[in-house]
Amino acid sequence: MAGETTSGGSGKLPGFKRLLARFRRPSGSDQRQHPRVYDRPLKLLIDGRRYKTLDWSMSGMRIAGYPAAAAVPNATVAGTILAGGQVKRGEFVAEVVRVLPDGSVGVRFVKLWSETFISMSAR
């Protein structure tokens, strides 16, 4: 692409490499298959209620303040990822894999369309 280089520290990275550079690489005891994004929470709409993520990756996310009654391991969570709190970025279906003492739940994506993931990752 015009104006983009793939070598050297001062040039711009191609679009896909820039996208991947946004993810934090696991280190220490946090050895996950997919890097987590901690500094850009997603806004979600699930069953008519709004939530934010504490972190997310290509394989799942941790949702803050999810109701304890619905936070049952293996339960299905389906919702919408929002942009700016209003516009739909895409749909997802996930499964609860852990309930944490801080009131958050960890879910793994069962269905996440590639267009949705690209939209989640865009600034």
PDB file of N, CA and C in Angstrom:
ATOM      1  N   MET A   1       0.832  -1.176   0.000  1.00  0.00           N
ATOM      2  CA  MET A   1       0.000   0.000   0.000  1.00  0.00           C
ATOM      3  C   MET A   1       0.874   1.235   0.000  1.00  0.00           C
ATOM      4  N   ALA A   2       0.385   2.288  -0.616  1.00  0.00           N
ATOM      5  CA  ALA A   2       1.154   3.516  -0.691  1.00  0.00           C
ATOM      6  C   ALA A   2       1.384   4.075   0.704  1.00  0.00           C
ATOM      7  N   GLY A   3       2.636   4.470   0.968  1.00  0.00           N
ATOM      8  CA  GLY A   3       2.953   5.095   2.245  1.00  0.00           C
ATOM      9  C   GLY A   3       3.140   4.133   3.404  1.00  0.00           C
ATOM     10  N   GLU A   4       3.002   2.830   3.184  1.00  0.00           N
ATOM     11  CA  GLU A   4       3.161   1.864   4.269  1.00  0.00           C
ATOM     12  C   GLU A   4       4.352   0.965   3.974  1.00  0.00           C
ATOM     13  N   THR A   5       5.134   0.713   4.981  1.00  0.00           N
ATOM     14  CA  THR A   5       6.278  -0.170   4.836  1.00  0.00           C
ATOM     15  C   THR A   5       6.156  -1.305   5.826  1.00  0.00           C
ATOM     16  N   THR A   6       6.851  -2.386   5.540  1.00  0.00           N
ATOM     17  CA  THR A   6       6.813  -3.535   6.432  1.00  0.00           C
ATOM     18  C   THR A   6       8.101  -3.711   7.190  1.00  0.00           C
ATOM     19  N   SER A   7       9.131  -2.936   6.874  1.00  0.00           N
ATOM     20  CA  SER A   7      10.399  -3.078   7.575  1.00  0.00           C
ATOM     21  C   SER A   7      10.795  -1.750   8.183  1.00  0.00           C
ATOM     22  N   GLY A   8      11.686  -1.831   9.158  1.00  0.00           N
ATOM     23  CA  GLY A   8      12.158  -0.619   9.808  1.00  0.00           C
ATOM     24  C   GLY A   8      11.222  -0.183  10.909  1.00  0.00           C
ATOM     25  N   GLY A   9      11.760   0.501  11.900  1.00  0.00           N
ATOM     26  CA  GLY A   9      10.966   0.906  13.047  1.00  0.00           C
ATOM     27  C   GLY A   9      10.168   2.174  12.834  1.00  0.00           C
ATOM     28  N   SER A  10      10.499   2.979  11.812  1.00  0.00           N
ATOM     29  CA  SER A  10       9.838   4.267  11.678  1.00  0.00           C
ATOM     30  C   SER A  10       8.673   4.249  10.701  1.00  0.00           C
ATOM     31  N   GLY A  11       8.532   3.207   9.884  1.00  0.00           N
ATOM     32  CA  GLY A  11       7.454   3.162   8.907  1.00  0.00           C
ATOM     33  C   GLY A  11       6.147   2.710   9.523  1.00  0.00           C
ATOM     34  N   LYS A  12       5.080   2.925   8.789  1.00  0.00           N
ATOM     35  CA  LYS A  12       3.767   2.487   9.235  1.00  0.00           C
ATOM     36  C   LYS A  12       3.621   0.991   8.995  1.00  0.00           C
ATOM     37  N   LEU A  13       2.846   0.333   9.853  1.00  0.00           N
ATOM     38  CA  LEU A  13       2.578  -1.087   9.672  1.00  0.00           C
ATOM     39  C   LEU A  13       1.373  -1.268   8.768  1.00  0.00           C
ATOM     40  N   PRO A  14       1.335  -2.330   7.964  1.00  0.00           N
ATOM     41  CA  PRO A  14       0.128  -2.615   7.197  1.00  0.00           C
ATOM     42  C   PRO A  14      -1.057  -2.781   8.141  1.00  0.00           C
ATOM     43  N   GLY A  15      -2.264  -2.568   7.639  1.00  0.00           N
ATOM     44  CA  GLY A  15      -3.479  -2.585   8.454  1.00  0.00           C
ATOM     45  C   GLY A  15      -3.606  -3.769   9.386  1.00  0.00           C
ATOM     46  N   PHE A  16      -3.373  -4.971   8.911  1.00  0.00           N
ATOM     47  CA  PHE A  16      -3.543  -6.159   9.744  1.00  0.00           C
ATOM     48  C   PHE A  16      -2.524  -6.190  10.870  1.00  0.00           C
ATOM     49  N   LYS A  17      -1.282  -5.812  10.575  1.00  0.00           N
ATOM     50  CA  LYS A  17      -0.250  -5.786  11.616  1.00  0.00           C
ATOM     51  C   LYS A  17      -0.569  -4.726  12.667  1.00  0.00           C
ATOM     52  N   ARG A  18      -1.120  -3.593  12.248  1.00  0.00           N
ATOM     53  CA  ARG A  18      -1.536  -2.562  13.203  1.00  0.00           C
ATOM     54  C   ARG A  18      -2.621  -3.102  14.119  1.00  0.00           C
ATOM     55  N   LEU A  19      -3.572  -3.841  13.550  1.00  0.00           N
ATOM     56  CA  LEU A  19      -4.651  -4.448  14.325  1.00  0.00           C
ATOM     57  C   LEU A  19      -4.088  -5.406  15.364  1.00  0.00           C
ATOM     58  N   LEU A  20      -3.181  -6.277  14.956  1.00  0.00           N
ATOM     59  CA  LEU A  20      -2.589  -7.239  15.888  1.00  0.00           C
ATOM     60  C   LEU A  20      -1.747  -6.555  16.961  1.00  0.00           C
ATOM     61  N   ALA A  21      -1.147  -5.429  16.626  1.00  0.00           N
ATOM     62  CA  ALA A  21      -0.302  -4.720  17.584  1.00  0.00           C
ATOM     63  C   ALA A  21      -1.100  -4.165  18.753  1.00  0.00           C
ATOM     64  N   ARG A  22      -2.407  -4.060  18.635  1.00  0.00           N
ATOM     65  CA  ARG A  22      -3.250  -3.538  19.715  1.00  0.00           C
ATOM     66  C   ARG A  22      -3.423  -4.520  20.862  1.00  0.00           C
ATOM     67  N   PHE A  23      -3.123  -5.772  20.620  1.00  0.00           N
ATOM     68  CA  PHE A  23      -3.339  -6.790  21.634  1.00  0.00           C
ATOM     69  C   PHE A  23      -2.114  -6.927  22.517  1.00  0.00           C
ATOM     70  N   ARG A  24      -2.359  -7.091  23.800  1.00  0.00           N
ATOM     71  CA  ARG A  24      -1.282  -7.297  24.761  1.00  0.00           C
ATOM     72  C   ARG A  24      -0.877  -8.766  24.709  1.00  0.00           C
ATOM     73  N   ARG A  25       0.392  -9.005  24.599  1.00  0.00           N
ATOM     74  CA  ARG A  25       0.904 -10.375  24.602  1.00  0.00           C
ATOM     75  C   ARG A  25       0.896 -10.916  26.019  1.00  0.00           C
ATOM     76  N   PRO A  26       0.494 -12.184  26.200  1.00  0.00           N
ATOM     77  CA  PRO A  26       0.517 -12.758  27.542  1.00  0.00           C
ATOM     78  C   PRO A  26       1.934 -12.855  28.079  1.00  0.00           C
ATOM     79  N   SER A  27       2.073 -12.668  29.382  1.00  0.00           N
ATOM     80  CA  SER A  27       3.370 -12.816  30.014  1.00  0.00           C
ATOM     81  C   SER A  27       3.181 -13.372  31.406  1.00  0.00           C
ATOM     82  N   GLY A  28       4.236 -13.907  31.967  1.00  0.00           N
ATOM     83  CA  GLY A  28       4.156 -14.447  33.321  1.00  0.00           C
ATOM     84  C   GLY A  28       3.139 -15.565  33.423  1.00  0.00           C
ATOM     85  N   SER A  29       2.253 -15.456  34.427  1.00  0.00           N
ATOM     86  CA  SER A  29       1.279 -16.525  34.651  1.00  0.00           C
ATOM     87  C   SER A  29       0.071 -16.423  33.731  1.00  0.00           C
ATOM     88  N   ASP A  30      -0.045 -15.338  32.951  1.00  0.00           N
ATOM     89  CA  ASP A  30      -1.189 -15.143  32.064  1.00  0.00           C
ATOM     90  C   ASP A  30      -0.865 -15.687  30.675  1.00  0.00           C
ATOM     91  N   GLN A  31      -0.676 -16.968  30.562  1.00  0.00           N
ATOM     92  CA  GLN A  31      -0.326 -17.617  29.300  1.00  0.00           C
ATOM     93  C   GLN A  31      -1.594 -18.103  28.603  1.00  0.00           C
ATOM     94  N   ARG A  32      -2.224 -17.258  27.850  1.00  0.00           N
ATOM     95  CA  ARG A  32      -3.469 -17.580  27.160  1.00  0.00           C
ATOM     96  C   ARG A  32      -3.187 -17.834  25.683  1.00  0.00           C
ATOM     97  N   GLN A  33      -4.110 -18.543  25.056  1.00  0.00           N
ATOM     98  CA  GLN A  33      -3.955 -18.839  23.629  1.00  0.00           C
ATOM     99  C   GLN A  33      -4.014 -17.560  22.793  1.00  0.00           C
ATOM    100  N   HIS A  34      -4.931 -16.657  23.148  1.00  0.00           N
ATOM    101  CA  HIS A  34      -5.100 -15.414  22.400  1.00  0.00           C
ATOM    102  C   HIS A  34      -4.814 -14.228  23.314  1.00  0.00           C
ATOM    103  N   PRO A  35      -4.082 -13.236  22.832  1.00  0.00           N
ATOM    104  CA  PRO A  35      -3.790 -12.063  23.654  1.00  0.00           C
ATOM    105  C   PRO A  35      -5.062 -11.326  24.059  1.00  0.00           C
ATOM    106  N   ARG A  36      -5.047 -10.758  25.245  1.00  0.00           N
ATOM    107  CA  ARG A  36      -6.194 -10.023  25.786  1.00  0.00           C
ATOM    108  C   ARG A  36      -6.048  -8.528  25.546  1.00  0.00           C
ATOM    109  N   VAL A  37      -7.180  -7.863  25.348  1.00  0.00           N
ATOM    110  CA  VAL A  37      -7.233  -6.409  25.262  1.00  0.00           C
ATOM    111  C   VAL A  37      -7.835  -5.927  26.572  1.00  0.00           C
ATOM    112  N   TYR A  38      -7.057  -5.152  27.321  1.00  0.00           N
ATOM    113  CA  TYR A  38      -7.504  -4.670  28.632  1.00  0.00           C
ATOM    114  C   TYR A  38      -7.889  -3.190  28.608  1.00  0.00           C
ATOM    115  N   ASP A  39      -7.314  -2.433  27.703  1.00  0.00           N
ATOM    116  CA  ASP A  39      -7.461  -0.979  27.752  1.00  0.00           C
ATOM    117  C   ASP A  39      -8.577  -0.423  26.871  1.00  0.00           C
ATOM    118  N   ARG A  40      -9.337  -1.268  26.227  1.00  0.00           N
ATOM    119  CA  ARG A  40     -10.443  -0.817  25.377  1.00  0.00           C
ATOM    120  C   ARG A  40     -11.679  -1.661  25.644  1.00  0.00           C
ATOM    121  N   PRO A  41     -12.405  -1.365  26.723  1.00  0.00           N
ATOM    122  CA  PRO A  41     -13.582  -2.181  27.039  1.00  0.00           C
ATOM    123  C   PRO A  41     -14.649  -2.082  25.948  1.00  0.00           C
ATOM    124  N   LEU A  42     -15.328  -3.196  25.733  1.00  0.00           N
ATOM    125  CA  LEU A  42     -16.438  -3.225  24.789  1.00  0.00           C
ATOM    126  C   LEU A  42     -17.727  -2.923  25.538  1.00  0.00           C
ATOM    127  N   LYS A  43     -18.677  -2.331  24.848  1.00  0.00           N
ATOM    128  CA  LYS A  43     -20.008  -2.113  25.395  1.00  0.00           C
ATOM    129  C   LYS A  43     -20.915  -3.184  24.810  1.00  0.00           C
ATOM    130  N   LEU A  44     -21.688  -3.825  25.678  1.00  0.00           N
ATOM    131  CA  LEU A  44     -22.529  -4.942  25.271  1.00  0.00           C
ATOM    132  C   LEU A  44     -23.989  -4.670  25.600  1.00  0.00           C
ATOM    133  N   LEU A  45     -24.866  -5.284  24.845  1.00  0.00           N
ATOM    134  CA  LEU A  45     -26.290  -5.288  25.138  1.00  0.00           C
ATOM    135  C   LEU A  45     -26.716  -6.749  25.207  1.00  0.00           C
ATOM    136  N   ILE A  46     -27.127  -7.186  26.417  1.00  0.00           N
ATOM    137  CA  ILE A  46     -27.537  -8.570  26.647  1.00  0.00           C
ATOM    138  C   ILE A  46     -28.878  -8.543  27.355  1.00  0.00           C
ATOM    139  N   ASP A  47     -29.874  -9.168  26.770  1.00  0.00           N
ATOM    140  CA  ASP A  47     -31.221  -9.221  27.357  1.00  0.00           C
ATOM    141  C   ASP A  47     -31.720  -7.842  27.773  1.00  0.00           C
ATOM    142  N   GLY A  48     -31.484  -6.839  26.937  1.00  0.00           N
ATOM    143  CA  GLY A  48     -31.987  -5.499  27.191  1.00  0.00           C
ATOM    144  C   GLY A  48     -31.186  -4.687  28.201  1.00  0.00           C
ATOM    145  N   ARG A  49     -30.119  -5.249  28.763  1.00  0.00           N
ATOM    146  CA  ARG A  49     -29.282  -4.539  29.731  1.00  0.00           C
ATOM    147  C   ARG A  49     -27.901  -4.285  29.146  1.00  0.00           C
ATOM    148  N   ARG A  50     -27.287  -3.190  29.565  1.00  0.00           N
ATOM    149  CA  ARG A  50     -25.958  -2.814  29.068  1.00  0.00           C
ATOM    150  C   ARG A  50     -24.878  -3.258  30.048  1.00  0.00           C
ATOM    151  N   TYR A  51     -23.768  -3.729  29.487  1.00  0.00           N
ATOM    152  CA  TYR A  51     -22.617  -4.184  30.265  1.00  0.00           C
ATOM    153  C   TYR A  51     -21.355  -3.691  29.588  1.00  0.00           C
ATOM    154  N   LYS A  52     -20.233  -3.748  30.333  1.00  0.00           N
ATOM    155  CA  LYS A  52     -18.913  -3.469  29.771  1.00  0.00           C
ATOM    156  C   LYS A  52     -18.029  -4.671  30.032  1.00  0.00           C
ATOM    157  N   THR A  53     -17.057  -4.838  29.157  1.00  0.00           N
ATOM    158  CA  THR A  53     -16.085  -5.911  29.369  1.00  0.00           C
ATOM    159  C   THR A  53     -14.913  -5.380  30.195  1.00  0.00           C
ATOM    160  N   LEU A  54     -14.308  -6.273  30.954  1.00  0.00           N
ATOM    161  CA  LEU A  54     -13.077  -5.947  31.671  1.00  0.00           C
ATOM    162  C   LEU A  54     -11.869  -6.275  30.803  1.00  0.00           C
ATOM    163  N   ASP A  55     -12.012  -7.286  29.957  1.00  0.00           N
ATOM    164  CA  ASP A  55     -11.018  -7.636  28.954  1.00  0.00           C
ATOM    165  C   ASP A  55     -11.694  -8.504  27.907  1.00  0.00           C
ATOM    166  N   TRP A  56     -11.044  -8.654  26.753  1.00  0.00           N
ATOM    167  CA  TRP A  56     -11.592  -9.481  25.683  1.00  0.00           C
ATOM    168  C   TRP A  56     -10.477  -9.933  24.760  1.00  0.00           C
ATOM    169  N   SER A  57     -10.774 -10.991  24.011  1.00  0.00           N
ATOM    170  CA  SER A  57      -9.828 -11.513  23.028  1.00  0.00           C
ATOM    171  C   SER A  57     -10.625 -12.156  21.906  1.00  0.00           C
ATOM    172  N   MET A  58      -9.904 -12.801  21.024  1.00  0.00           N
ATOM    173  CA  MET A  58     -10.541 -13.499  19.916  1.00  0.00           C
ATOM    174  C   MET A  58     -11.365 -14.693  20.399  1.00  0.00           C
ATOM    175  N   SER A  59     -11.056 -15.201  21.584  1.00  0.00           N
ATOM    176  CA  SER A  59     -11.741 -16.407  22.052  1.00  0.00           C
ATOM    177  C   SER A  59     -12.813 -16.158  23.102  1.00  0.00           C
ATOM    178  N   GLY A  60     -12.837 -14.974  23.721  1.00  0.00           N
ATOM    179  CA  GLY A  60     -13.839 -14.729  24.747  1.00  0.00           C
ATOM    180  C   GLY A  60     -13.675 -13.371  25.396  1.00  0.00           C
ATOM    181  N   MET A  61     -14.401 -13.173  26.508  1.00  0.00           N
ATOM    182  CA  MET A  61     -14.342 -11.893  27.206  1.00  0.00           C
ATOM    183  C   MET A  61     -14.763 -12.080  28.651  1.00  0.00           C
ATOM    184  N   ARG A  62     -14.434 -11.067  29.469  1.00  0.00           N
ATOM    185  CA  ARG A  62     -14.862 -11.052  30.860  1.00  0.00           C
ATOM    186  C   ARG A  62     -15.827  -9.886  31.003  1.00  0.00           C
ATOM    187  N   ILE A  63     -17.056 -10.187  31.428  1.00  0.00           N
ATOM    188  CA  ILE A  63     -18.130  -9.205  31.499  1.00  0.00           C
ATOM    189  C   ILE A  63     -18.291  -8.754  32.949  1.00  0.00           C
ATOM    190  N   ALA A  64     -18.266  -7.435  33.174  1.00  0.00           N
ATOM    191  CA  ALA A  64     -18.413  -6.867  34.516  1.00  0.00           C
ATOM    192  C   ALA A  64     -19.887  -6.806  34.905  1.00  0.00           C
ATOM    193  N   GLY A  65     -20.170  -7.114  36.178  1.00  0.00           N
ATOM    194  CA  GLY A  65     -21.504  -6.917  36.738  1.00  0.00           C
ATOM    195  C   GLY A  65     -22.606  -7.784  36.174  1.00  0.00           C
ATOM    196  N   TYR A  66     -22.258  -8.933  35.659  1.00  0.00           N
ATOM    197  CA  TYR A  66     -23.275  -9.823  35.093  1.00  0.00           C
ATOM    198  C   TYR A  66     -24.099 -10.431  36.240  1.00  0.00           C
ATOM    199  N   PRO A  67     -25.418 -10.525  36.114  1.00  0.00           N
ATOM    200  CA  PRO A  67     -26.261 -11.001  37.216  1.00  0.00           C
ATOM    201  C   PRO A  67     -25.893 -12.413  37.685  1.00  0.00           C
ATOM    202  N   ALA A  68     -25.777 -12.575  38.988  1.00  0.00           N
ATOM    203  CA  ALA A  68     -25.387 -13.864  39.570  1.00  0.00           C
ATOM    204  C   ALA A  68     -26.357 -14.976  39.185  1.00  0.00           C
ATOM    205  N   ALA A  69     -27.637 -14.661  39.092  1.00  0.00           N
ATOM    206  CA  ALA A  69     -28.632 -15.679  38.753  1.00  0.00           C
ATOM    207  C   ALA A  69     -28.423 -16.245  37.352  1.00  0.00           C
ATOM    208  N   ALA A  70     -27.874 -15.432  36.452  1.00  0.00           N
ATOM    209  CA  ALA A  70     -27.650 -15.873  35.071  1.00  0.00           C
ATOM    210  C   ALA A  70     -26.239 -16.415  34.868  1.00  0.00           C
ATOM    211  N   ALA A  71     -25.375 -16.191  35.852  1.00  0.00           N
ATOM    212  CA  ALA A  71     -23.971 -16.586  35.731  1.00  0.00           C
ATOM    213  C   ALA A  71     -23.773 -18.024  36.171  1.00  0.00           C
ATOM    214  N   VAL A  72     -24.286 -18.928  35.376  1.00  0.00           N
ATOM    215  CA  VAL A  72     -24.195 -20.356  35.661  1.00  0.00           C
ATOM    216  C   VAL A  72     -23.239 -20.977  34.646  1.00  0.00           C
ATOM    217  N   PRO A  73     -22.231 -21.724  35.107  1.00  0.00           N
ATOM    218  CA  PRO A  73     -21.328 -22.355  34.140  1.00  0.00           C
ATOM    219  C   PRO A  73     -22.088 -23.126  33.064  1.00  0.00           C
ATOM    220  N   ASN A  74     -21.619 -22.996  31.850  1.00  0.00           N
ATOM    221  CA  ASN A  74     -22.186 -23.610  30.642  1.00  0.00           C
ATOM    222  C   ASN A  74     -23.445 -22.916  30.129  1.00  0.00           C
ATOM    223  N   ALA A  75     -23.921 -21.872  30.817  1.00  0.00           N
ATOM    224  CA  ALA A  75     -25.096 -21.132  30.333  1.00  0.00           C
ATOM    225  C   ALA A  75     -24.731 -20.373  29.062  1.00  0.00           C
ATOM    226  N   THR A  76     -25.686 -20.213  28.171  1.00  0.00           N
ATOM    227  CA  THR A  76     -25.483 -19.475  26.929  1.00  0.00           C
ATOM    228  C   THR A  76     -25.780 -17.996  27.152  1.00  0.00           C
ATOM    229  N   VAL A  77     -24.906 -17.150  26.631  1.00  0.00           N
ATOM    230  CA  VAL A  77     -25.069 -15.705  26.678  1.00  0.00           C
ATOM    231  C   VAL A  77     -25.043 -15.223  25.236  1.00  0.00           C
ATOM    232  N   ALA A  78     -26.119 -14.561  24.816  1.00  0.00           N
ATOM    233  CA  ALA A  78     -26.178 -14.022  23.455  1.00  0.00           C
ATOM    234  C   ALA A  78     -26.421 -12.527  23.553  1.00  0.00           C
ATOM    235  N   GLY A  79     -25.744 -11.762  22.720  1.00  0.00           N
ATOM    236  CA  GLY A  79     -25.921 -10.321  22.793  1.00  0.00           C
ATOM    237  C   GLY A  79     -25.349  -9.598  21.603  1.00  0.00           C
ATOM    238  N   THR A  80     -25.257  -8.286  21.774  1.00  0.00           N
ATOM    239  CA  THR A  80     -24.799  -7.390  20.731  1.00  0.00           C
ATOM    240  C   THR A  80     -23.634  -6.570  21.255  1.00  0.00           C
ATOM    241  N   ILE A  81     -22.621  -6.405  20.441  1.00  0.00           N
ATOM    242  CA  ILE A  81     -21.511  -5.516  20.754  1.00  0.00           C
ATOM    243  C   ILE A  81     -21.856  -4.166  20.147  1.00  0.00           C
ATOM    244  N   LEU A  82     -21.765  -3.117  20.975  1.00  0.00           N
ATOM    245  CA  LEU A  82     -22.175  -1.784  20.553  1.00  0.00           C
ATOM    246  C   LEU A  82     -20.971  -0.891  20.286  1.00  0.00           C
ATOM    247  N   ALA A  83     -21.154   0.068  19.411  1.00  0.00           N
ATOM    248  CA  ALA A  83     -20.156   1.108  19.158  1.00  0.00           C
ATOM    249  C   ALA A  83     -20.732   2.409  19.686  1.00  0.00           C
ATOM    250  N   GLY A  84     -20.036   3.054  20.580  1.00  0.00           N
ATOM    251  CA  GLY A  84     -20.532   4.315  21.126  1.00  0.00           C
ATOM    252  C   GLY A  84     -21.794   4.145  21.940  1.00  0.00           C
ATOM    253  N   GLY A  85     -22.089   2.927  22.352  1.00  0.00           N
ATOM    254  CA  GLY A  85     -23.255   2.679  23.182  1.00  0.00           C
ATOM    255  C   GLY A  85     -24.560   2.552  22.431  1.00  0.00           C
ATOM    256  N   GLN A  86     -24.587   2.825  21.141  1.00  0.00           N
ATOM    257  CA  GLN A  86     -25.844   2.817  20.389  1.00  0.00           C
ATOM    258  C   GLN A  86     -25.805   1.932  19.139  1.00  0.00           C
ATOM    259  N   VAL A  87     -24.805   2.130  18.298  1.00  0.00           N
ATOM    260  CA  VAL A  87     -24.729   1.464  17.000  1.00  0.00           C
ATOM    261  C   VAL A  87     -24.244   0.024  17.176  1.00  0.00           C
ATOM    262  N   LYS A  88     -24.902  -0.901  16.501  1.00  0.00           N
ATOM    263  CA  LYS A  88     -24.500  -2.309  16.580  1.00  0.00           C
ATOM    264  C   LYS A  88     -23.228  -2.550  15.797  1.00  0.00           C
ATOM    265  N   ARG A  89     -22.263  -3.190  16.461  1.00  0.00           N
ATOM    266  CA  ARG A  89     -21.049  -3.639  15.772  1.00  0.00           C
ATOM    267  C   ARG A  89     -21.200  -5.076  15.321  1.00  0.00           C
ATOM    268  N   GLY A  90     -21.992  -5.849  16.040  1.00  0.00           N
ATOM    269  CA  GLY A  90     -22.176  -7.239  15.666  1.00  0.00           C
ATOM    270  C   GLY A  90     -22.745  -8.057  16.804  1.00  0.00           C
ATOM    271  N   GLU A  91     -23.141  -9.253  16.467  1.00  0.00           N
ATOM    272  CA  GLU A  91     -23.749 -10.172  17.420  1.00  0.00           C
ATOM    273  C   GLU A  91     -22.731 -11.213  17.861  1.00  0.00           C
ATOM    274  N   PHE A  92     -22.998 -11.809  19.032  1.00  0.00           N
ATOM    275  CA  PHE A  92     -22.160 -12.896  19.518  1.00  0.00           C
ATOM    276  C   PHE A  92     -23.014 -13.881  20.306  1.00  0.00           C
ATOM    277  N   VAL A  93     -22.533 -15.097  20.378  1.00  0.00           N
ATOM    278  CA  VAL A  93     -23.088 -16.130  21.258  1.00  0.00           C
ATOM    279  C   VAL A  93     -21.899 -16.689  22.020  1.00  0.00           C
ATOM    280  N   ALA A  94     -22.044 -16.787  23.342  1.00  0.00           N
ATOM    281  CA  ALA A  94     -20.942 -17.246  24.180  1.00  0.00           C
ATOM    282  C   ALA A  94     -21.457 -18.206  25.235  1.00  0.00           C
ATOM    283  N   GLU A  95     -20.516 -18.873  25.891  1.00  0.00           N
ATOM    284  CA  GLU A  95     -20.833 -19.819  26.956  1.00  0.00           C
ATOM    285  C   GLU A  95     -20.073 -19.395  28.213  1.00  0.00           C
ATOM    286  N   VAL A  96     -20.768 -19.367  29.360  1.00  0.00           N
ATOM    287  CA  VAL A  96     -20.122 -19.020  30.626  1.00  0.00           C
ATOM    288  C   VAL A  96     -19.143 -20.130  30.989  1.00  0.00           C
ATOM    289  N   VAL A  97     -17.889 -19.757  31.217  1.00  0.00           N
ATOM    290  CA  VAL A  97     -16.875 -20.747  31.593  1.00  0.00           C
ATOM    291  C   VAL A  97     -16.391 -20.553  33.025  1.00  0.00           C
ATOM    292  N   ARG A  98     -16.548 -19.335  33.570  1.00  0.00           N
ATOM    293  CA  ARG A  98     -16.173 -19.133  34.977  1.00  0.00           C
ATOM    294  C   ARG A  98     -16.916 -17.942  35.548  1.00  0.00           C
ATOM    295  N   VAL A  99     -17.224 -18.068  36.829  1.00  0.00           N
ATOM    296  CA  VAL A  99     -17.846 -16.987  37.586  1.00  0.00           C
ATOM    297  C   VAL A  99     -16.806 -16.548  38.614  1.00  0.00           C
ATOM    298  N   LEU A 100     -16.486 -15.266  38.626  1.00  0.00           N
ATOM    299  CA  LEU A 100     -15.403 -14.763  39.470  1.00  0.00           C
ATOM    300  C   LEU A 100     -15.943 -14.022  40.699  1.00  0.00           C
ATOM    301  N   PRO A 101     -15.187 -14.003  41.784  1.00  0.00           N
ATOM    302  CA  PRO A 101     -15.634 -13.376  43.028  1.00  0.00           C
ATOM    303  C   PRO A 101     -15.950 -11.884  42.903  1.00  0.00           C
ATOM    304  N   ASP A 102     -15.367 -11.206  41.915  1.00  0.00           N
ATOM    305  CA  ASP A 102     -15.615  -9.767  41.753  1.00  0.00           C
ATOM    306  C   ASP A 102     -16.942  -9.467  41.050  1.00  0.00           C
ATOM    307  N   GLY A 103     -17.738 -10.518  40.763  1.00  0.00           N
ATOM    308  CA  GLY A 103     -19.028 -10.330  40.108  1.00  0.00           C
ATOM    309  C   GLY A 103     -18.964 -10.367  38.593  1.00  0.00           C
ATOM    310  N   SER A 104     -17.794 -10.618  38.062  1.00  0.00           N
ATOM    311  CA  SER A 104     -17.669 -10.723  36.610  1.00  0.00           C
ATOM    312  C   SER A 104     -17.770 -12.184  36.192  1.00  0.00           C
ATOM    313  N   VAL A 105     -18.048 -12.386  34.902  1.00  0.00           N
ATOM    314  CA  VAL A 105     -18.089 -13.742  34.357  1.00  0.00           C
ATOM    315  C   VAL A 105     -17.172 -13.821  33.153  1.00  0.00           C
ATOM    316  N   GLY A 106     -16.510 -14.949  33.026  1.00  0.00           N
ATOM    317  CA  GLY A 106     -15.693 -15.227  31.854  1.00  0.00           C
ATOM    318  C   GLY A 106     -16.507 -16.066  30.896  1.00  0.00           C
ATOM    319  N   VAL A 107     -16.539 -15.655  29.645  1.00  0.00           N
ATOM    320  CA  VAL A 107     -17.275 -16.405  28.629  1.00  0.00           C
ATOM    321  C   VAL A 107     -16.352 -16.700  27.460  1.00  0.00           C
ATOM    322  N   ARG A 108     -16.624 -17.797  26.779  1.00  0.00           N
ATOM    323  CA  ARG A 108     -15.893 -18.106  25.554  1.00  0.00           C
ATOM    324  C   ARG A 108     -16.884 -18.011  24.408  1.00  0.00           C
ATOM    325  N   PHE A 109     -16.416 -17.447  23.309  1.00  0.00           N
ATOM    326  CA  PHE A 109     -17.291 -17.294  22.156  1.00  0.00           C
ATOM    327  C   PHE A 109     -17.619 -18.645  21.546  1.00  0.00           C
ATOM    328  N   VAL A 110     -18.896 -18.868  21.300  1.00  0.00           N
ATOM    329  CA  VAL A 110     -19.361 -20.043  20.585  1.00  0.00           C
ATOM    330  C   VAL A 110     -19.578 -19.653  19.121  1.00  0.00           C
ATOM    331  N   LYS A 111     -20.127 -18.439  18.916  1.00  0.00           N
ATOM    332  CA  LYS A 111     -20.296 -17.878  17.570  1.00  0.00           C
ATOM    333  C   LYS A 111     -19.858 -16.423  17.618  1.00  0.00           C
ATOM    334  N   LEU A 112     -18.894 -16.110  16.785  1.00  0.00           N
ATOM    335  CA  LEU A 112     -18.441 -14.737  16.618  1.00  0.00           C
ATOM    336  C   LEU A 112     -18.020 -14.603  15.167  1.00  0.00           C
ATOM    337  N   TRP A 113     -18.785 -13.855  14.412  1.00  0.00           N
ATOM    338  CA  TRP A 113     -18.517 -13.721  13.000  1.00  0.00           C
ATOM    339  C   TRP A 113     -17.281 -12.864  12.785  1.00  0.00           C
ATOM    340  N   SER A 114     -16.524 -13.144  11.737  1.00  0.00           N
ATOM    341  CA  SER A 114     -15.275 -12.426  11.484  1.00  0.00           C
ATOM    342  C   SER A 114     -15.510 -10.926  11.352  1.00  0.00           C
ATOM    343  N   GLU A 115     -16.630 -10.529  10.740  1.00  0.00           N
ATOM    344  CA  GLU A 115     -16.942  -9.115  10.606  1.00  0.00           C
ATOM    345  C   GLU A 115     -17.123  -8.462  11.973  1.00  0.00           C
ATOM    346  N   THR A 116     -17.711  -9.209  12.911  1.00  0.00           N
ATOM    347  CA  THR A 116     -17.901  -8.689  14.262  1.00  0.00           C
ATOM    348  C   THR A 116     -16.556  -8.508  14.945  1.00  0.00           C
ATOM    349  N   PHE A 117     -15.672  -9.478  14.822  1.00  0.00           N
ATOM    350  CA  PHE A 117     -14.357  -9.371  15.456  1.00  0.00           C
ATOM    351  C   PHE A 117     -13.568  -8.195  14.884  1.00  0.00           C
ATOM    352  N   ILE A 118     -13.598  -8.030  13.582  1.00  0.00           N
ATOM    353  CA  ILE A 118     -12.891  -6.904  12.961  1.00  0.00           C
ATOM    354  C   ILE A 118     -13.471  -5.587  13.470  1.00  0.00           C
ATOM    355  N   SER A 119     -14.778  -5.516  13.583  1.00  0.00           N
ATOM    356  CA  SER A 119     -15.424  -4.309  14.095  1.00  0.00           C
ATOM    357  C   SER A 119     -15.059  -4.048  15.553  1.00  0.00           C
ATOM    358  N   MET A 120     -14.976  -5.117  16.384  1.00  0.00           N
ATOM    359  CA  MET A 120     -14.576  -4.978  17.783  1.00  0.00           C
ATOM    360  C   MET A 120     -13.176  -4.393  17.878  1.00  0.00           C
ATOM    361  N   SER A 121     -12.324  -4.768  16.966  1.00  0.00           N
ATOM    362  CA  SER A 121     -10.917  -4.418  17.021  1.00  0.00           C
ATOM    363  C   SER A 121     -10.629  -3.029  16.453  1.00  0.00           C
ATOM    364  N   ALA A 122     -11.552  -2.485  15.703  1.00  0.00           N
ATOM    365  CA  ALA A 122     -11.335  -1.188  15.054  1.00  0.00           C
ATOM    366  C   ALA A 122     -11.428  -0.057  16.063  1.00  0.00           C
ATOM    367  N   ARG A 123     -10.682   0.963  15.853  1.00  0.00           N
ATOM    368  CA  ARG A 123     -10.760   2.165  16.705  1.00  0.00           C
ATOM    369  C   ARG A 123     -11.788   3.092  16.161  1.00  0.00           C
TER     370      ARG A 123
END
